[in-house]
Amino acid sequence: MANHTYGTSDRPRGIAYHLDGSHITDAPGFFCALGEAVNGPAGYFGWGLDALNDCLRGRWGATTPLTLVWHDAAVARTCLGVTPHTGRRPPTFEEILALLAERHVDVRLA
């Protein structure tokens, strides 16, 4: 499935998606990789935490609960940082994990 348009059917709950984290060195890279993990090449599944939260509510290709197997997560952990900052900034690795957990995504770091 490529791209994904809002309002079409989601795949069944409980599916495991595999996120290739080997090239996630910034927030746009994370959202690009996540979109492709869920919806195939050039797929969309959010561009920021608010958009990701919306996508996790369903009708964007997947709905929770789901499992996200995050391969090479150490790359993103290093590049995205772990300490929250104040002001306008990209999300940290820990903030992404927190939102995913809050929205019933079982993240397995590999």
C-alpha atoms as a PDB file:
ATOM      1  CA  MET A   1       0.000   0.000   0.000  1.00  0.00           C
ATOM      2  CA  ALA A   2       1.505   3.371  -0.924  1.00  0.00           C
ATOM      3  CA  ASN A   3       0.697   6.783   0.512  1.00  0.00           C
ATOM      4  CA  HIS A   4      -2.579   6.497   2.418  1.00  0.00           C
ATOM      5  CA  THR A   5      -5.428   8.854   2.282  1.00  0.00           C
ATOM      6  CA  TYR A   6      -7.425   9.723   5.354  1.00  0.00           C
ATOM      7  CA  GLY A   7     -10.710   7.944   5.695  1.00  0.00           C
ATOM      8  CA  THR A   8      -9.905   4.618   4.082  1.00  0.00           C
ATOM      9  CA  SER A   9      -9.915   1.341   5.973  1.00  0.00           C
ATOM     10  CA  ASP A  10      -7.259   0.520   8.543  1.00  0.00           C
ATOM     11  CA  ARG A  11      -5.582  -2.849   8.701  1.00  0.00           C
ATOM     12  CA  PRO A  12      -6.795  -5.038  11.608  1.00  0.00           C
ATOM     13  CA  ARG A  13      -5.789  -4.160  15.179  1.00  0.00           C
ATOM     14  CA  GLY A  14      -2.823  -5.930  16.707  1.00  0.00           C
ATOM     15  CA  ILE A  15      -0.585  -6.012  13.638  1.00  0.00           C
ATOM     16  CA  ALA A  16       3.181  -5.661  14.072  1.00  0.00           C
ATOM     17  CA  TYR A  17       4.906  -3.031  11.946  1.00  0.00           C
ATOM     18  CA  HIS A  18       8.666  -3.012  11.418  1.00  0.00           C
ATOM     19  CA  LEU A  19      10.378   0.372  11.537  1.00  0.00           C
ATOM     20  CA  ASP A  20      13.800   0.587   9.867  1.00  0.00           C
ATOM     21  CA  GLY A  21      15.622   2.905  12.236  1.00  0.00           C
ATOM     22  CA  SER A  22      19.027   2.675  10.590  1.00  0.00           C
ATOM     23  CA  HIS A  23      18.668   6.112   8.966  1.00  0.00           C
ATOM     24  CA  ILE A  24      16.598   7.966  11.575  1.00  0.00           C
ATOM     25  CA  THR A  25      18.877  10.866  12.414  1.00  0.00           C
ATOM     26  CA  ASP A  26      16.238  13.575  12.859  1.00  0.00           C
ATOM     27  CA  ALA A  27      12.498  13.982  13.456  1.00  0.00           C
ATOM     28  CA  PRO A  28      11.545  14.198   9.747  1.00  0.00           C
ATOM     29  CA  GLY A  29      13.466  10.951   9.191  1.00  0.00           C
ATOM     30  CA  PHE A  30      11.470   9.274  11.962  1.00  0.00           C
ATOM     31  CA  PHE A  31       8.123  10.337  10.525  1.00  0.00           C
ATOM     32  CA  CYS A  32       9.164   9.316   7.008  1.00  0.00           C
ATOM     33  CA  ALA A  33      10.308   5.874   8.212  1.00  0.00           C
ATOM     34  CA  LEU A  34       7.165   5.417  10.309  1.00  0.00           C
ATOM     35  CA  GLY A  35       4.933   6.340   7.372  1.00  0.00           C
ATOM     36  CA  GLU A  36       6.695   3.775   5.210  1.00  0.00           C
ATOM     37  CA  ALA A  37       6.526   1.117   7.944  1.00  0.00           C
ATOM     38  CA  VAL A  38       2.767   1.545   8.239  1.00  0.00           C
ATOM     39  CA  ASN A  39       1.704   2.490   4.713  1.00  0.00           C
ATOM     40  CA  GLY A  40       4.502   1.404   2.383  1.00  0.00           C
ATOM     41  CA  PRO A  41       6.795   3.503   0.178  1.00  0.00           C
ATOM     42  CA  ALA A  42       6.028   7.230   0.429  1.00  0.00           C
ATOM     43  CA  GLY A  43       3.435   6.390   3.092  1.00  0.00           C
ATOM     44  CA  TYR A  44       2.177   8.965   5.580  1.00  0.00           C
ATOM     45  CA  PHE A  45       1.602   8.466   9.290  1.00  0.00           C
ATOM     46  CA  GLY A  46       2.150  11.906  10.808  1.00  0.00           C
ATOM     47  CA  TRP A  47       4.770  14.671  10.542  1.00  0.00           C
ATOM     48  CA  GLY A  48       4.859  15.781  14.182  1.00  0.00           C
ATOM     49  CA  LEU A  49       3.598  14.541  17.545  1.00  0.00           C
ATOM     50  CA  ASP A  50       0.131  16.072  17.130  1.00  0.00           C
ATOM     51  CA  ALA A  51      -0.269  14.582  13.643  1.00  0.00           C
ATOM     52  CA  LEU A  52       1.038  11.213  14.859  1.00  0.00           C
ATOM     53  CA  ASN A  53      -1.480  11.298  17.697  1.00  0.00           C
ATOM     54  CA  ASP A  54      -4.244  11.923  15.141  1.00  0.00           C
ATOM     55  CA  CYS A  55      -3.040   9.064  12.924  1.00  0.00           C
ATOM     56  CA  LEU A  56      -3.028   6.674  15.892  1.00  0.00           C
ATOM     57  CA  ARG A  57      -6.753   7.288  16.332  1.00  0.00           C
ATOM     58  CA  GLY A  58      -7.387   5.349  13.116  1.00  0.00           C
ATOM     59  CA  ARG A  59      -8.380   5.918   9.486  1.00  0.00           C
ATOM     60  CA  TRP A  60      -4.749   6.490   8.427  1.00  0.00           C
ATOM     61  CA  GLY A  61      -3.834   2.871   7.692  1.00  0.00           C
ATOM     62  CA  ALA A  62      -3.460   1.481  11.210  1.00  0.00           C
ATOM     63  CA  THR A  63      -5.159   1.719  14.545  1.00  0.00           C
ATOM     64  CA  THR A  64      -4.137   0.761  18.049  1.00  0.00           C
ATOM     65  CA  PRO A  65      -3.382  -1.461  19.733  1.00  0.00           C
ATOM     66  CA  LEU A  66      -0.440  -2.292  17.523  1.00  0.00           C
ATOM     67  CA  THR A  67       3.170  -3.360  17.865  1.00  0.00           C
ATOM     68  CA  LEU A  68       6.061  -1.346  16.472  1.00  0.00           C
ATOM     69  CA  VAL A  69       9.331  -3.254  16.185  1.00  0.00           C
ATOM     70  CA  TRP A  70      11.904  -0.465  15.975  1.00  0.00           C
ATOM     71  CA  HIS A  71      15.057  -1.904  14.407  1.00  0.00           C
ATOM     72  CA  ASP A  72      18.354  -0.046  14.975  1.00  0.00           C
ATOM     73  CA  ALA A  73      16.681   2.151  17.592  1.00  0.00           C
ATOM     74  CA  ALA A  74      20.082   3.141  19.000  1.00  0.00           C
ATOM     75  CA  VAL A  75      20.645   5.388  15.968  1.00  0.00           C
ATOM     76  CA  ALA A  76      17.535   7.456  16.733  1.00  0.00           C
ATOM     77  CA  ARG A  77      18.177   7.422  20.487  1.00  0.00           C
ATOM     78  CA  THR A  78      21.574   9.014  19.848  1.00  0.00           C
ATOM     79  CA  CYS A  79      20.482  11.468  17.156  1.00  0.00           C
ATOM     80  CA  LEU A  80      17.115  12.573  18.547  1.00  0.00           C
ATOM     81  CA  GLY A  81      18.406  13.107  22.059  1.00  0.00           C
ATOM     82  CA  VAL A  82      16.677  12.155  25.258  1.00  0.00           C
ATOM     83  CA  THR A  83      16.405  15.411  27.188  1.00  0.00           C
ATOM     84  CA  PRO A  84      13.358  17.611  26.602  1.00  0.00           C
ATOM     85  CA  HIS A  85      14.101  21.234  25.756  1.00  0.00           C
ATOM     86  CA  THR A  86      11.906  24.277  26.084  1.00  0.00           C
ATOM     87  CA  GLY A  87      10.529  26.230  23.150  1.00  0.00           C
ATOM     88  CA  ARG A  88       9.844  25.124  19.609  1.00  0.00           C
ATOM     89  CA  ARG A  89      11.901  22.032  18.775  1.00  0.00           C
ATOM     90  CA  PRO A  90      11.619  18.539  17.376  1.00  0.00           C
ATOM     91  CA  PRO A  91      10.490  15.747  19.698  1.00  0.00           C
ATOM     92  CA  THR A  92      13.074  13.746  21.579  1.00  0.00           C
ATOM     93  CA  PHE A  93      13.372   9.976  21.366  1.00  0.00           C
ATOM     94  CA  GLU A  94      11.832   9.634  24.830  1.00  0.00           C
ATOM     95  CA  GLU A  95       8.889  11.904  23.961  1.00  0.00           C
ATOM     96  CA  ILE A  96       8.142   9.814  20.884  1.00  0.00           C
ATOM     97  CA  LEU A  97       8.242   6.633  22.978  1.00  0.00           C
ATOM     98  CA  ALA A  98       5.994   8.205  25.623  1.00  0.00           C
ATOM     99  CA  LEU A  99       3.336   9.232  23.091  1.00  0.00           C
ATOM    100  CA  LEU A 100       3.396   5.813  21.444  1.00  0.00           C
ATOM    101  CA  ALA A 101       3.002   4.076  24.825  1.00  0.00           C
ATOM    102  CA  GLU A 102       0.181   6.421  25.820  1.00  0.00           C
ATOM    103  CA  ARG A 103      -1.647   5.560  22.579  1.00  0.00           C
ATOM    104  CA  HIS A 104      -1.310   1.770  23.108  1.00  0.00           C
ATOM    105  CA  VAL A 105       1.587   1.106  20.798  1.00  0.00           C
ATOM    106  CA  ASP A 106       3.795  -1.689  22.095  1.00  0.00           C
ATOM    107  CA  VAL A 107       7.265  -0.514  21.028  1.00  0.00           C
ATOM    108  CA  ARG A 108       9.941  -3.175  20.893  1.00  0.00           C
ATOM    109  CA  LEU A 109      13.406  -1.702  20.502  1.00  0.00           C
ATOM    110  CA  ALA A 110      15.646  -3.956  18.448  1.00  0.00           C
END
